[in-house]
Amino acid sequence: MRPIVSNVQAMSADAQRAVALAATQVERADRLLTDAARRVEDTMNIVQRAILAPARDGMAIFQGTEAFRLFTGISPDPDVFFATFASLGG
């Protein structure tokens, strides 16, 4: 009877170690995925600031020049609009 109890105790200890190792691996994977998601978000913010915001500003200026032409009938110089926008801190 003692050998059976001893075997069950050994199996229980092995199972406990396996569960602890699995929990550690899950925590490590969670940290890895969280870090990767943060890096992707940081990269997207950089792209947004470096590329998309200036492109949006440029498109707004061209739309403004077209609206000016439609309202006044005068074709404005987009370079003048860009210079004015830049002088205002844009």
Protein backbone atom coordinates (compact mmCIF):
# COMPACT_ATOMS: atom_id res chain seq x y z
CA MET A 1 0.00 0.00 0.00
CA ARG A 2 2.85 2.38 0.80
CA PRO A 3 4.38 2.09 -2.67
CA ILE A 4 1.04 3.11 -4.23
CA VAL A 5 0.72 6.14 -1.93
CA SER A 6 4.34 7.03 -2.62
CA ASN A 7 3.73 6.81 -6.38
CA VAL A 8 0.59 8.95 -6.11
CA GLN A 9 2.49 11.54 -4.09
CA ALA A 10 5.30 11.59 -6.67
CA MET A 11 2.79 11.95 -9.50
CA SER A 12 1.07 14.75 -7.61
CA ALA A 13 4.39 16.56 -7.10
CA ASP A 14 5.24 16.12 -10.79
CA ALA A 15 1.83 17.46 -11.80
CA GLN A 16 2.28 20.44 -9.48
CA ARG A 17 5.67 21.25 -11.06
CA ALA A 18 4.19 20.90 -14.55
CA VAL A 19 1.35 23.29 -13.69
CA ALA A 20 3.82 25.81 -12.24
CA LEU A 21 5.96 25.61 -15.40
CA ALA A 22 2.90 26.00 -17.62
CA ALA A 23 1.75 29.04 -15.63
CA THR A 24 5.21 30.59 -15.99
CA GLN A 25 5.15 29.98 -19.75
CA VAL A 26 1.68 31.53 -20.07
CA GLU A 27 2.82 34.60 -18.14
CA ARG A 28 5.90 34.89 -20.34
CA ALA A 29 3.78 34.61 -23.51
CA ASP A 30 1.39 37.23 -22.14
CA ARG A 31 4.26 39.65 -21.49
CA LEU A 32 5.65 38.99 -24.96
CA LEU A 33 2.31 39.65 -26.67
CA THR A 34 1.66 42.74 -24.55
CA ASP A 35 5.08 44.12 -25.45
CA ALA A 36 4.53 43.37 -29.15
CA ALA A 37 1.12 45.08 -29.10
CA ARG A 38 2.63 48.15 -27.40
CA ARG A 39 5.40 48.31 -30.01
CA VAL A 40 2.89 48.07 -32.86
CA GLU A 41 0.84 50.86 -31.29
CA ASP A 42 3.95 53.02 -30.82
CA THR A 43 4.96 52.42 -34.43
CA MET A 44 1.49 53.35 -35.67
CA ASN A 45 1.62 56.57 -33.65
CA ILE A 46 4.97 57.43 -35.22
CA VAL A 47 3.61 56.74 -38.71
CA GLN A 48 0.56 58.85 -37.93
CA ARG A 49 2.69 61.81 -36.83
CA ALA A 50 5.35 61.48 -39.52
CA ILE A 51 3.33 60.61 -42.61
CA LEU A 52 -0.42 60.80 -42.23
CA ALA A 53 -0.73 64.17 -40.45
CA PRO A 54 1.38 66.07 -43.02
CA ALA A 55 -0.47 64.31 -45.86
CA ARG A 56 -3.79 65.36 -44.30
CA ASP A 57 -2.55 68.94 -44.01
CA GLY A 58 -1.45 68.94 -47.65
CA MET A 59 -4.81 67.57 -48.77
CA ALA A 60 -6.60 70.23 -46.73
CA ILE A 61 -4.55 72.94 -48.42
CA PHE A 62 -5.36 71.64 -51.89
CA GLN A 63 -9.04 71.39 -50.97
CA GLY A 64 -8.85 74.96 -49.66
CA THR A 65 -7.35 76.21 -52.91
CA GLU A 66 -10.10 74.46 -54.88
CA ALA A 67 -12.79 75.94 -52.61
CA PHE A 68 -11.22 79.39 -53.04
CA ARG A 69 -11.33 78.94 -56.83
CA LEU A 70 -14.97 77.81 -56.73
CA PHE A 71 -16.09 80.72 -54.53
CA THR A 72 -14.08 83.49 -56.18
CA GLY A 73 -13.44 82.24 -59.70
CA ILE A 74 -9.73 82.99 -59.16
CA SER A 75 -7.22 80.15 -59.36
CA PRO A 76 -4.94 80.58 -56.36
CA ASP A 77 -1.31 79.54 -56.17
CA PRO A 78 -1.05 76.46 -53.85
CA ASP A 79 2.51 77.49 -52.94
CA VAL A 80 1.14 80.71 -51.42
CA PHE A 81 -1.37 78.67 -49.41
CA PHE A 82 1.43 76.33 -48.22
CA ALA A 83 3.61 79.32 -47.25
CA THR A 84 0.73 80.93 -45.36
CA PHE A 85 -0.08 77.65 -43.61
CA ALA A 86 3.57 77.18 -42.64
CA SER A 87 3.81 80.74 -41.31
CA LEU A 88 0.83 80.03 -39.05
CA GLY A 89 2.67 77.11 -37.49
CA GLY A 90 1.13 74.32 -39.57
